[in-house]
């Protein structure tokens, strides 16, 4: 029955054919059979349907394509709108699950009715030359280390408050390919914010954690591929994702009632503003600057929070070179 299934959602855009087929193959190889897979292509320049056509013989797999670009968040939301199962799980077009990924996640949900989100450890794999150097310089090994040390199961709000005091860095919950959600939770939380270039999953986790307990699977259950030319790395380099964490703080502050918790998050946000100002000053001193989409994101955020703009400017002026 459909309500017993995991709704697997795969947004695609100009995928590498081999990686895409391997990703779908890892779904077909799952030990847990009660799933559906919805593949939604965001107006790719290649025929993605032809790539997945052999898999469509399995009645559990469906494909659709948008005629116009929706963007990353728009594509994620188009997928989310098709979720009908009891549990919701994204799988990106070039990631892989090990055979027992679904089974182990569903087992946790069956054991604890209060858990609405399960985060699974996974391996980062870089493609191309100097892959290991890229993992180190891109910070992926550091993320794994921090996740092992700081991830805690239990009350989601308590975990979130501690994480916020630590700056909401790194993304401890993880990428959507390795986070399973109850659909009852996604129904409450709603859609992804479409105007966030990089931190849309982080912002979504913030909203989720206020509403549910969380569990952690500490064994590595799949592979997340990273690419030097990928969207996340481009956003980081051109500055377009620079202010997304601040907007996540803004979301959290808006959702918290007045009181001590809200004050703590505000203090943590001000600390992040100070750090950001130093980083901004460093970019200027290095003659790199923050331009293009990054400048647009900065303007968007600070026009909504003029006091933070003043503080950031003052901090930038007096930051040590």
C-alpha atoms as a PDB file:
ATOM      1  CA  UNK A   1       0.000   0.000   0.000  1.00  0.00           C
ATOM      2  CA  UNK A   2       1.232   3.478  -0.883  1.00  0.00           C
ATOM      3  CA  UNK A   3       1.092   4.843   2.666  1.00  0.00           C
ATOM      4  CA  UNK A   4       3.615   2.182   3.695  1.00  0.00           C
ATOM      5  CA  UNK A   5       6.211   3.299   1.174  1.00  0.00           C
ATOM      6  CA  UNK A   6       9.165   5.636   1.160  1.00  0.00           C
ATOM      7  CA  UNK A   7       8.688   8.385  -1.411  1.00  0.00           C
ATOM      8  CA  UNK A   8      12.123   8.767  -3.007  1.00  0.00           C
ATOM      9  CA  UNK A   9      12.542  12.062  -4.846  1.00  0.00           C
ATOM     10  CA  UNK A  10      15.277  12.615  -7.435  1.00  0.00           C
ATOM     11  CA  UNK A  11      15.623  16.123  -8.915  1.00  0.00           C
ATOM     12  CA  UNK A  12      17.833  16.136 -12.019  1.00  0.00           C
ATOM     13  CA  UNK A  13      19.526  18.732 -14.223  1.00  0.00           C
ATOM     14  CA  UNK A  14      22.057  17.885 -16.937  1.00  0.00           C
ATOM     15  CA  UNK A  15      23.205  14.770 -15.077  1.00  0.00           C
ATOM     16  CA  UNK A  16      26.257  12.677 -15.830  1.00  0.00           C
ATOM     17  CA  UNK A  17      24.634   9.607 -17.444  1.00  0.00           C
ATOM     18  CA  UNK A  18      26.814   7.082 -15.606  1.00  0.00           C
ATOM     19  CA  UNK A  19      26.276   8.730 -12.208  1.00  0.00           C
ATOM     20  CA  UNK A  20      22.525   9.038 -12.728  1.00  0.00           C
ATOM     21  CA  UNK A  21      22.139   5.411 -13.723  1.00  0.00           C
ATOM     22  CA  UNK A  22      24.277   4.332 -10.767  1.00  0.00           C
ATOM     23  CA  UNK A  23      22.082   6.399  -8.415  1.00  0.00           C
ATOM     24  CA  UNK A  24      18.883   4.775  -9.712  1.00  0.00           C
ATOM     25  CA  UNK A  25      20.595   1.400  -9.588  1.00  0.00           C
ATOM     26  CA  UNK A  26      21.375   1.911  -5.898  1.00  0.00           C
ATOM     27  CA  UNK A  27      17.637   2.412  -5.292  1.00  0.00           C
ATOM     28  CA  UNK A  28      16.777  -0.792  -7.125  1.00  0.00           C
ATOM     29  CA  UNK A  29      19.378  -2.609  -5.039  1.00  0.00           C
ATOM     30  CA  UNK A  30      17.811  -1.660  -1.697  1.00  0.00           C
ATOM     31  CA  UNK A  31      16.966  -4.460   0.719  1.00  0.00           C
ATOM     32  CA  UNK A  32      13.763  -2.584   1.654  1.00  0.00           C
ATOM     33  CA  UNK A  33      11.329  -2.964  -1.267  1.00  0.00           C
ATOM     34  CA  UNK A  34       8.445  -0.674  -0.301  1.00  0.00           C
ATOM     35  CA  UNK A  35       9.385   2.515  -2.092  1.00  0.00           C
ATOM     36  CA  UNK A  36       8.436   4.681  -5.049  1.00  0.00           C
ATOM     37  CA  UNK A  37      10.890   6.821  -7.026  1.00  0.00           C
ATOM     38  CA  UNK A  38       9.888  10.069  -8.694  1.00  0.00           C
ATOM     39  CA  UNK A  39      12.492  11.555 -11.054  1.00  0.00           C
ATOM     40  CA  UNK A  40      11.860  15.184 -11.999  1.00  0.00           C
ATOM     41  CA  UNK A  41      14.089  16.823 -14.605  1.00  0.00           C
ATOM     42  CA  UNK A  42      14.483  20.593 -14.620  1.00  0.00           C
ATOM     43  CA  UNK A  43      14.512  21.288 -18.387  1.00  0.00           C
ATOM     44  CA  UNK A  44      17.924  19.723 -18.980  1.00  0.00           C
ATOM     45  CA  UNK A  45      19.724  20.215 -22.262  1.00  0.00           C
ATOM     46  CA  UNK A  46      19.998  16.449 -22.645  1.00  0.00           C
ATOM     47  CA  UNK A  47      17.340  13.748 -22.945  1.00  0.00           C
ATOM     48  CA  UNK A  48      17.173  12.560 -19.336  1.00  0.00           C
ATOM     49  CA  UNK A  49      14.120  10.432 -20.004  1.00  0.00           C
ATOM     50  CA  UNK A  50      16.142   8.363 -22.475  1.00  0.00           C
ATOM     51  CA  UNK A  51      18.783   7.810 -19.789  1.00  0.00           C
ATOM     52  CA  UNK A  52      16.270   6.411 -17.304  1.00  0.00           C
ATOM     53  CA  UNK A  53      13.936   4.728 -19.809  1.00  0.00           C
ATOM     54  CA  UNK A  54      15.130   1.193 -18.982  1.00  0.00           C
ATOM     55  CA  UNK A  55      14.270   1.775 -15.307  1.00  0.00           C
ATOM     56  CA  UNK A  56      10.727   2.947 -16.053  1.00  0.00           C
ATOM     57  CA  UNK A  57       9.692  -0.642 -16.652  1.00  0.00           C
ATOM     58  CA  UNK A  58       9.565  -0.875 -12.848  1.00  0.00           C
ATOM     59  CA  UNK A  59       6.084   0.400 -11.920  1.00  0.00           C
ATOM     60  CA  UNK A  60       7.489   2.014  -8.781  1.00  0.00           C
ATOM     61  CA  UNK A  61       9.456   4.550 -10.861  1.00  0.00           C
ATOM     62  CA  UNK A  62       7.967   7.644 -12.543  1.00  0.00           C
ATOM     63  CA  UNK A  63       9.515  10.443 -14.600  1.00  0.00           C
ATOM     64  CA  UNK A  64       8.440  14.002 -15.370  1.00  0.00           C
ATOM     65  CA  UNK A  65      10.121  17.035 -16.923  1.00  0.00           C
ATOM     66  CA  UNK A  66       9.537  20.762 -16.530  1.00  0.00           C
ATOM     67  CA  UNK A  67       9.509  22.738 -19.772  1.00  0.00           C
ATOM     68  CA  UNK A  68      11.115  25.790 -18.158  1.00  0.00           C
ATOM     69  CA  UNK A  69      13.898  26.010 -15.572  1.00  0.00           C
ATOM     70  CA  UNK A  70      12.641  26.026 -12.010  1.00  0.00           C
ATOM     71  CA  UNK A  71      16.028  26.308 -10.331  1.00  0.00           C
ATOM     72  CA  UNK A  72      17.364  24.105  -7.551  1.00  0.00           C
ATOM     73  CA  UNK A  73      14.742  24.850  -4.908  1.00  0.00           C
ATOM     74  CA  UNK A  74      11.946  24.928  -7.474  1.00  0.00           C
ATOM     75  CA  UNK A  75      12.937  21.467  -8.650  1.00  0.00           C
ATOM     76  CA  UNK A  76      13.134  20.180  -5.070  1.00  0.00           C
ATOM     77  CA  UNK A  77       9.662  21.558  -4.398  1.00  0.00           C
ATOM     78  CA  UNK A  78       8.273  20.025  -7.594  1.00  0.00           C
ATOM     79  CA  UNK A  79       9.532  16.692  -6.276  1.00  0.00           C
ATOM     80  CA  UNK A  80       8.204  17.292  -2.774  1.00  0.00           C
ATOM     81  CA  UNK A  81       4.728  17.959  -4.151  1.00  0.00           C
ATOM     82  CA  UNK A  82       4.679  14.378  -5.479  1.00  0.00           C
ATOM     83  CA  UNK A  83       5.501  12.699  -2.149  1.00  0.00           C
ATOM     84  CA  UNK A  84       2.702  10.353  -1.108  1.00  0.00           C
ATOM     85  CA  UNK A  85       4.494   7.821   1.074  1.00  0.00           C
ATOM     86  CA  UNK A  86       4.735   7.698   4.831  1.00  0.00           C
ATOM     87  CA  UNK A  87       8.372   8.773   4.609  1.00  0.00           C
ATOM     88  CA  UNK A  88      10.137  11.262   2.324  1.00  0.00           C
ATOM     89  CA  UNK A  89      13.679  10.826   1.059  1.00  0.00           C
ATOM     90  CA  UNK A  90      15.633  12.810  -1.549  1.00  0.00           C
ATOM     91  CA  UNK A  91      18.413  11.221  -3.555  1.00  0.00           C
ATOM     92  CA  UNK A  92      20.486  13.529  -5.732  1.00  0.00           C
ATOM     93  CA  UNK A  93      21.312  12.496  -9.276  1.00  0.00           C
ATOM     94  CA  UNK A  94      24.897  11.430  -8.619  1.00  0.00           C
ATOM     95  CA  UNK A  95      24.760  10.092  -5.053  1.00  0.00           C
ATOM     96  CA  UNK A  96      24.624   6.453  -3.982  1.00  0.00           C
ATOM     97  CA  UNK A  97      23.056   4.470  -1.152  1.00  0.00           C
ATOM     98  CA  UNK A  98      24.396   1.235   0.239  1.00  0.00           C
ATOM     99  CA  UNK A  99      22.012  -1.709   0.184  1.00  0.00           C
ATOM    100  CA  UNK A 100      20.519  -1.312   3.686  1.00  0.00           C
ATOM    101  CA  UNK A 101      20.061   2.464   3.684  1.00  0.00           C
ATOM    102  CA  UNK A 102      16.263   2.502   3.449  1.00  0.00           C
ATOM    103  CA  UNK A 103      15.791  -0.511   5.701  1.00  0.00           C
ATOM    104  CA  UNK A 104      17.839   0.950   8.557  1.00  0.00           C
ATOM    105  CA  UNK A 105      16.109   4.323   8.355  1.00  0.00           C
ATOM    106  CA  UNK A 106      12.592   2.903   8.277  1.00  0.00           C
ATOM    107  CA  UNK A 107      13.431   0.630  11.224  1.00  0.00           C
ATOM    108  CA  UNK A 108      14.241   3.679  13.364  1.00  0.00           C
ATOM    109  CA  UNK A 109      10.933   5.333  12.503  1.00  0.00           C
ATOM    110  CA  UNK A 110       9.067   2.131  13.373  1.00  0.00           C
ATOM    111  CA  UNK A 111      10.849   1.975  16.743  1.00  0.00           C
ATOM    112  CA  UNK A 112      10.125   5.571  17.773  1.00  0.00           C
ATOM    113  CA  UNK A 113       6.962   7.466  16.902  1.00  0.00           C
ATOM    114  CA  UNK A 114       8.425  10.771  18.150  1.00  0.00           C
ATOM    115  CA  UNK A 115      11.279  10.763  15.609  1.00  0.00           C
ATOM    116  CA  UNK A 116      10.490  12.761  12.482  1.00  0.00           C
ATOM    117  CA  UNK A 117      14.005  13.091  11.039  1.00  0.00           C
ATOM    118  CA  UNK A 118      16.854  10.589  10.670  1.00  0.00           C
ATOM    119  CA  UNK A 119      20.330  11.720   9.613  1.00  0.00           C
ATOM    120  CA  UNK A 120      22.771   9.130   8.257  1.00  0.00           C
ATOM    121  CA  UNK A 121      26.544   9.342   8.079  1.00  0.00           C
ATOM    122  CA  UNK A 122      28.046   8.974   4.621  1.00  0.00           C
ATOM    123  CA  UNK A 123      31.251   9.228   2.643  1.00  0.00           C
ATOM    124  CA  UNK A 124      32.271  12.209   0.502  1.00  0.00           C
ATOM    125  CA  UNK A 125      33.812  11.258  -2.802  1.00  0.00           C
ATOM    126  CA  UNK A 126      35.502  13.803  -5.078  1.00  0.00           C
ATOM    127  CA  UNK A 127      35.703  13.190  -8.798  1.00  0.00           C
ATOM    128  CA  UNK A 128      38.651  13.978 -11.080  1.00  0.00           C
ATOM    129  CA  UNK A 129      42.301  14.756 -10.484  1.00  0.00           C
ATOM    130  CA  UNK A 130      43.634  15.715  -7.037  1.00  0.00           C
ATOM    131  CA  UNK A 131      40.442  14.355  -5.495  1.00  0.00           C
ATOM    132  CA  UNK A 132      41.871  13.956  -1.994  1.00  0.00           C
ATOM    133  CA  UNK A 133      43.307  17.480  -2.014  1.00  0.00           C
ATOM    134  CA  UNK A 134      39.949  18.806  -3.126  1.00  0.00           C
ATOM    135  CA  UNK A 135      38.181  17.074  -0.220  1.00  0.00           C
ATOM    136  CA  UNK A 136      40.570  18.674   2.269  1.00  0.00           C
ATOM    137  CA  UNK A 137      40.568  22.155   0.756  1.00  0.00           C
ATOM    138  CA  UNK A 138      36.795  22.080   0.275  1.00  0.00           C
ATOM    139  CA  UNK A 139      36.351  21.347   3.975  1.00  0.00           C
ATOM    140  CA  UNK A 140      34.548  18.036   3.495  1.00  0.00           C
ATOM    141  CA  UNK A 141      36.852  16.060   5.779  1.00  0.00           C
ATOM    142  CA  UNK A 142      36.363  18.720   8.456  1.00  0.00           C
ATOM    143  CA  UNK A 143      32.593  18.441   8.083  1.00  0.00           C
ATOM    144  CA  UNK A 144      32.767  14.678   8.619  1.00  0.00           C
ATOM    145  CA  UNK A 145      34.906  15.144  11.705  1.00  0.00           C
ATOM    146  CA  UNK A 146      32.563  17.738  13.211  1.00  0.00           C
ATOM    147  CA  UNK A 147      29.517  15.601  12.442  1.00  0.00           C
ATOM    148  CA  UNK A 148      31.015  12.613  14.258  1.00  0.00           C
ATOM    149  CA  UNK A 149      31.819  14.726  17.317  1.00  0.00           C
ATOM    150  CA  UNK A 150      28.733  16.899  17.592  1.00  0.00           C
ATOM    151  CA  UNK A 151      25.698  15.077  16.180  1.00  0.00           C
ATOM    152  CA  UNK A 152      23.296  14.037  18.916  1.00  0.00           C
ATOM    153  CA  UNK A 153      19.980  12.202  18.824  1.00  0.00           C
ATOM    154  CA  UNK A 154      17.045  13.298  20.934  1.00  0.00           C
ATOM    155  CA  UNK A 155      14.988  16.459  21.178  1.00  0.00           C
ATOM    156  CA  UNK A 156      15.345  18.389  17.936  1.00  0.00           C
ATOM    157  CA  UNK A 157      14.846  21.825  19.447  1.00  0.00           C
ATOM    158  CA  UNK A 158      17.469  21.234  22.138  1.00  0.00           C
ATOM    159  CA  UNK A 159      19.952  20.109  19.495  1.00  0.00           C
ATOM    160  CA  UNK A 160      19.085  23.115  17.322  1.00  0.00           C
ATOM    161  CA  UNK A 161      19.636  25.612  20.134  1.00  0.00           C
ATOM    162  CA  UNK A 162      23.077  24.205  20.872  1.00  0.00           C
ATOM    163  CA  UNK A 163      23.928  24.139  17.158  1.00  0.00           C
ATOM    164  CA  UNK A 164      22.789  27.749  16.789  1.00  0.00           C
ATOM    165  CA  UNK A 165      25.024  28.854  19.652  1.00  0.00           C
ATOM    166  CA  UNK A 166      27.875  27.177  17.749  1.00  0.00           C
ATOM    167  CA  UNK A 167      27.044  29.171  14.613  1.00  0.00           C
ATOM    168  CA  UNK A 168      24.931  26.648  12.656  1.00  0.00           C
ATOM    169  CA  UNK A 169      28.193  25.439  11.142  1.00  0.00           C
ATOM    170  CA  UNK A 170      28.791  23.038   9.562  1.00  0.00           C
ATOM    171  CA  UNK A 171      25.605  21.466   8.237  1.00  0.00           C
ATOM    172  CA  UNK A 172      25.532  18.755  10.893  1.00  0.00           C
ATOM    173  CA  UNK A 173      22.224  17.278   9.748  1.00  0.00           C
ATOM    174  CA  UNK A 174      23.682  16.695   6.294  1.00  0.00           C
ATOM    175  CA  UNK A 175      22.670  16.795   2.671  1.00  0.00           C
ATOM    176  CA  UNK A 176      19.106  15.777   1.682  1.00  0.00           C
ATOM    177  CA  UNK A 177      20.359  12.533   0.089  1.00  0.00           C
ATOM    178  CA  UNK A 178      21.082  11.283   3.608  1.00  0.00           C
ATOM    179  CA  UNK A 179      18.178  12.686   5.609  1.00  0.00           C
ATOM    180  CA  UNK A 180      14.872  10.815   5.818  1.00  0.00           C
ATOM    181  CA  UNK A 181      11.727  12.607   7.007  1.00  0.00           C
ATOM    182  CA  UNK A 182       8.232  11.624   8.040  1.00  0.00           C
ATOM    183  CA  UNK A 183       5.821  13.064   5.511  1.00  0.00           C
ATOM    184  CA  UNK A 184       3.655  14.318   8.373  1.00  0.00           C
ATOM    185  CA  UNK A 185       6.637  16.536   9.274  1.00  0.00           C
ATOM    186  CA  UNK A 186       7.160  17.847   5.729  1.00  0.00           C
ATOM    187  CA  UNK A 187       3.432  18.594   5.529  1.00  0.00           C
ATOM    188  CA  UNK A 188       3.840  20.837   8.586  1.00  0.00           C
ATOM    189  CA  UNK A 189       7.123  22.439   7.572  1.00  0.00           C
ATOM    190  CA  UNK A 190       6.134  23.171   3.973  1.00  0.00           C
ATOM    191  CA  UNK A 191       8.354  23.862   0.973  1.00  0.00           C
ATOM    192  CA  UNK A 192      11.987  24.865   0.512  1.00  0.00           C
ATOM    193  CA  UNK A 193      12.766  28.596   0.320  1.00  0.00           C
ATOM    194  CA  UNK A 194      13.344  29.274  -3.362  1.00  0.00           C
ATOM    195  CA  UNK A 195      15.423  32.460  -2.953  1.00  0.00           C
ATOM    196  CA  UNK A 196      18.272  30.827  -1.063  1.00  0.00           C
ATOM    197  CA  UNK A 197      21.140  29.845  -3.394  1.00  0.00           C
ATOM    198  CA  UNK A 198      23.009  27.445  -1.146  1.00  0.00           C
ATOM    199  CA  UNK A 199      21.592  27.040   2.357  1.00  0.00           C
ATOM    200  CA  UNK A 200      18.077  25.947   1.456  1.00  0.00           C
ATOM    201  CA  UNK A 201      18.531  22.524   3.054  1.00  0.00           C
ATOM    202  CA  UNK A 202      20.073  24.059   6.205  1.00  0.00           C
ATOM    203  CA  UNK A 203      17.145  26.467   6.533  1.00  0.00           C
ATOM    204  CA  UNK A 204      14.720  23.566   6.081  1.00  0.00           C
ATOM    205  CA  UNK A 205      16.438  21.558   8.818  1.00  0.00           C
ATOM    206  CA  UNK A 206      16.089  24.557  11.150  1.00  0.00           C
ATOM    207  CA  UNK A 207      12.324  24.542  10.656  1.00  0.00           C
ATOM    208  CA  UNK A 208      12.139  20.763  11.035  1.00  0.00           C
ATOM    209  CA  UNK A 209      14.138  20.587  14.254  1.00  0.00           C
ATOM    210  CA  UNK A 210      11.736  22.909  16.056  1.00  0.00           C
ATOM    211  CA  UNK A 211       8.992  20.313  15.590  1.00  0.00           C
ATOM    212  CA  UNK A 212      10.490  16.860  16.090  1.00  0.00           C
ATOM    213  CA  UNK A 213      12.913  14.495  17.757  1.00  0.00           C
ATOM    214  CA  UNK A 214      15.871  13.356  15.673  1.00  0.00           C
ATOM    215  CA  UNK A 215      17.889  10.155  15.354  1.00  0.00           C
ATOM    216  CA  UNK A 216      21.351   9.537  13.948  1.00  0.00           C
ATOM    217  CA  UNK A 217      22.664   6.526  12.032  1.00  0.00           C
ATOM    218  CA  UNK A 218      26.392   6.672  12.696  1.00  0.00           C
ATOM    219  CA  UNK A 219      27.478   4.078  10.155  1.00  0.00           C
ATOM    220  CA  UNK A 220      28.309   5.307   6.675  1.00  0.00           C
ATOM    221  CA  UNK A 221      25.418   4.305   4.456  1.00  0.00           C
ATOM    222  CA  UNK A 222      26.253   5.859   1.107  1.00  0.00           C
ATOM    223  CA  UNK A 223      28.343   8.179  -1.026  1.00  0.00           C
ATOM    224  CA  UNK A 224      27.863  11.892  -1.650  1.00  0.00           C
ATOM    225  CA  UNK A 225      29.775  12.997  -4.742  1.00  0.00           C
ATOM    226  CA  UNK A 226      31.356  16.449  -4.784  1.00  0.00           C
ATOM    227  CA  UNK A 227      32.515  18.298  -7.868  1.00  0.00           C
ATOM    228  CA  UNK A 228      34.860  21.267  -8.188  1.00  0.00           C
ATOM    229  CA  UNK A 229      32.479  22.779 -10.724  1.00  0.00           C
ATOM    230  CA  UNK A 230      29.320  21.923  -8.804  1.00  0.00           C
ATOM    231  CA  UNK A 231      26.719  24.478  -7.730  1.00  0.00           C
ATOM    232  CA  UNK A 232      27.705  24.443  -4.059  1.00  0.00           C
ATOM    233  CA  UNK A 233      31.361  25.129  -4.797  1.00  0.00           C
ATOM    234  CA  UNK A 234      30.474  27.876  -7.304  1.00  0.00           C
ATOM    235  CA  UNK A 235      28.189  29.554  -4.779  1.00  0.00           C
ATOM    236  CA  UNK A 236      30.895  29.451  -2.149  1.00  0.00           C
ATOM    237  CA  UNK A 237      33.473  30.955  -4.468  1.00  0.00           C
ATOM    238  CA  UNK A 238      31.349  33.783  -5.896  1.00  0.00           C
ATOM    239  CA  UNK A 239      29.849  34.689  -2.524  1.00  0.00           C
ATOM    240  CA  UNK A 240      26.204  33.985  -3.411  1.00  0.00           C
ATOM    241  CA  UNK A 241      25.821  31.642  -0.429  1.00  0.00           C
ATOM    242  CA  UNK A 242      27.748  33.846   1.974  1.00  0.00           C
ATOM    243  CA  UNK A 243      24.694  35.168   3.788  1.00  0.00           C
ATOM    244  CA  UNK A 244      22.497  32.082   3.807  1.00  0.00           C
ATOM    245  CA  UNK A 245      23.463  31.104   7.342  1.00  0.00           C
ATOM    246  CA  UNK A 246      22.465  34.561   8.546  1.00  0.00           C
ATOM    247  CA  UNK A 247      19.095  34.098   6.912  1.00  0.00           C
ATOM    248  CA  UNK A 248      18.782  30.753   8.710  1.00  0.00           C
ATOM    249  CA  UNK A 249      19.349  32.613  11.977  1.00  0.00           C
ATOM    250  CA  UNK A 250      16.693  35.090  10.885  1.00  0.00           C
ATOM    251  CA  UNK A 251      14.255  32.232  10.281  1.00  0.00           C
ATOM    252  CA  UNK A 252      14.955  30.735  13.700  1.00  0.00           C
ATOM    253  CA  UNK A 253      14.585  34.048  15.533  1.00  0.00           C
ATOM    254  CA  UNK A 254      11.259  34.686  13.813  1.00  0.00           C
ATOM    255  CA  UNK A 255       9.944  31.265  14.854  1.00  0.00           C
ATOM    256  CA  UNK A 256      11.040  31.414  18.501  1.00  0.00           C
ATOM    257  CA  UNK A 257       8.798  33.080  21.101  1.00  0.00           C
ATOM    258  CA  UNK A 258      10.186  36.003  23.068  1.00  0.00           C
ATOM    259  CA  UNK A 259      12.350  34.755  25.903  1.00  0.00           C
ATOM    260  CA  UNK A 260      15.786  33.540  26.844  1.00  0.00           C
ATOM    261  CA  UNK A 261      16.125  31.115  23.917  1.00  0.00           C
ATOM    262  CA  UNK A 262      15.478  33.887  21.434  1.00  0.00           C
ATOM    263  CA  UNK A 263      18.011  36.137  23.182  1.00  0.00           C
ATOM    264  CA  UNK A 264      20.662  33.387  22.981  1.00  0.00           C
ATOM    265  CA  UNK A 265      20.096  32.967  19.253  1.00  0.00           C
ATOM    266  CA  UNK A 266      20.316  36.720  18.716  1.00  0.00           C
ATOM    267  CA  UNK A 267      23.635  36.810  20.563  1.00  0.00           C
ATOM    268  CA  UNK A 268      24.883  33.929  18.410  1.00  0.00           C
ATOM    269  CA  UNK A 269      23.764  35.792  15.282  1.00  0.00           C
ATOM    270  CA  UNK A 270      25.692  38.912  16.332  1.00  0.00           C
ATOM    271  CA  UNK A 271      28.805  36.769  16.775  1.00  0.00           C
ATOM    272  CA  UNK A 272      28.337  35.451  13.263  1.00  0.00           C
ATOM    273  CA  UNK A 273      27.958  38.995  11.953  1.00  0.00           C
ATOM    274  CA  UNK A 274      31.314  39.868  13.495  1.00  0.00           C
ATOM    275  CA  UNK A 275      32.956  36.834  11.877  1.00  0.00           C
ATOM    276  CA  UNK A 276      31.311  37.581   8.560  1.00  0.00           C
ATOM    277  CA  UNK A 277      32.521  41.174   8.661  1.00  0.00           C
ATOM    278  CA  UNK A 278      36.076  39.947   9.128  1.00  0.00           C
ATOM    279  CA  UNK A 279      35.671  37.556   6.207  1.00  0.00           C
ATOM    280  CA  UNK A 280      34.200  40.328   4.081  1.00  0.00           C
ATOM    281  CA  UNK A 281      37.119  42.604   4.974  1.00  0.00           C
ATOM    282  CA  UNK A 282      39.532  39.793   4.108  1.00  0.00           C
ATOM    283  CA  UNK A 283      37.997  39.437   0.678  1.00  0.00           C
ATOM    284  CA  UNK A 284      38.310  43.166   0.073  1.00  0.00           C
ATOM    285  CA  UNK A 285      41.930  43.209   1.239  1.00  0.00           C
ATOM    286  CA  UNK A 286      42.586  40.254  -1.040  1.00  0.00           C
ATOM    287  CA  UNK A 287      41.001  42.205  -3.915  1.00  0.00           C
ATOM    288  CA  UNK A 288      38.430  39.471  -4.440  1.00  0.00           C
ATOM    289  CA  UNK A 289      35.423  41.221  -3.018  1.00  0.00           C
ATOM    290  CA  UNK A 290      31.884  39.927  -2.854  1.00  0.00           C
ATOM    291  CA  UNK A 291      30.094  40.720  -6.069  1.00  0.00           C
ATOM    292  CA  UNK A 292      27.364  39.543  -8.356  1.00  0.00           C
ATOM    293  CA  UNK A 293      24.841  37.298  -6.641  1.00  0.00           C
ATOM    294  CA  UNK A 294      26.786  37.609  -3.393  1.00  0.00           C
ATOM    295  CA  UNK A 295      26.253  41.364  -3.276  1.00  0.00           C
ATOM    296  CA  UNK A 296      22.577  40.862  -4.070  1.00  0.00           C
ATOM    297  CA  UNK A 297      22.201  38.404  -1.196  1.00  0.00           C
ATOM    298  CA  UNK A 298      23.958  40.820   1.165  1.00  0.00           C
ATOM    299  CA  UNK A 299      21.672  43.686   0.159  1.00  0.00           C
ATOM    300  CA  UNK A 300      18.556  41.531   0.472  1.00  0.00           C
ATOM    301  CA  UNK A 301      19.475  40.426   3.986  1.00  0.00           C
ATOM    302  CA  UNK A 302      20.708  43.709   5.396  1.00  0.00           C
ATOM    303  CA  UNK A 303      17.803  45.787   4.052  1.00  0.00           C
ATOM    304  CA  UNK A 304      15.589  43.608   6.223  1.00  0.00           C
ATOM    305  CA  UNK A 305      17.969  43.940   9.184  1.00  0.00           C
ATOM    306  CA  UNK A 306      19.440  47.479   9.140  1.00  0.00           C
ATOM    307  CA  UNK A 307      20.855  47.215  12.664  1.00  0.00           C
ATOM    308  CA  UNK A 308      22.918  44.239  11.578  1.00  0.00           C
ATOM    309  CA  UNK A 309      24.136  46.223   8.579  1.00  0.00           C
ATOM    310  CA  UNK A 310      25.409  48.978  10.872  1.00  0.00           C
ATOM    311  CA  UNK A 311      27.115  46.456  13.126  1.00  0.00           C
ATOM    312  CA  UNK A 312      28.677  44.645  10.161  1.00  0.00           C
ATOM    313  CA  UNK A 313      29.998  47.900   8.702  1.00  0.00           C
ATOM    314  CA  UNK A 314      31.504  48.950  12.022  1.00  0.00           C
ATOM    315  CA  UNK A 315      33.064  45.527  12.512  1.00  0.00           C
ATOM    316  CA  UNK A 316      34.456  45.611   8.971  1.00  0.00           C
ATOM    317  CA  UNK A 317      35.995  49.027   9.528  1.00  0.00           C
ATOM    318  CA  UNK A 318      37.809  47.944  12.665  1.00  0.00           C
ATOM    319  CA  UNK A 319      38.628  44.357  11.705  1.00  0.00           C
ATOM    320  CA  UNK A 320      42.340  43.600  11.825  1.00  0.00           C
ATOM    321  CA  UNK A 321      43.966  43.257   8.444  1.00  0.00           C
END
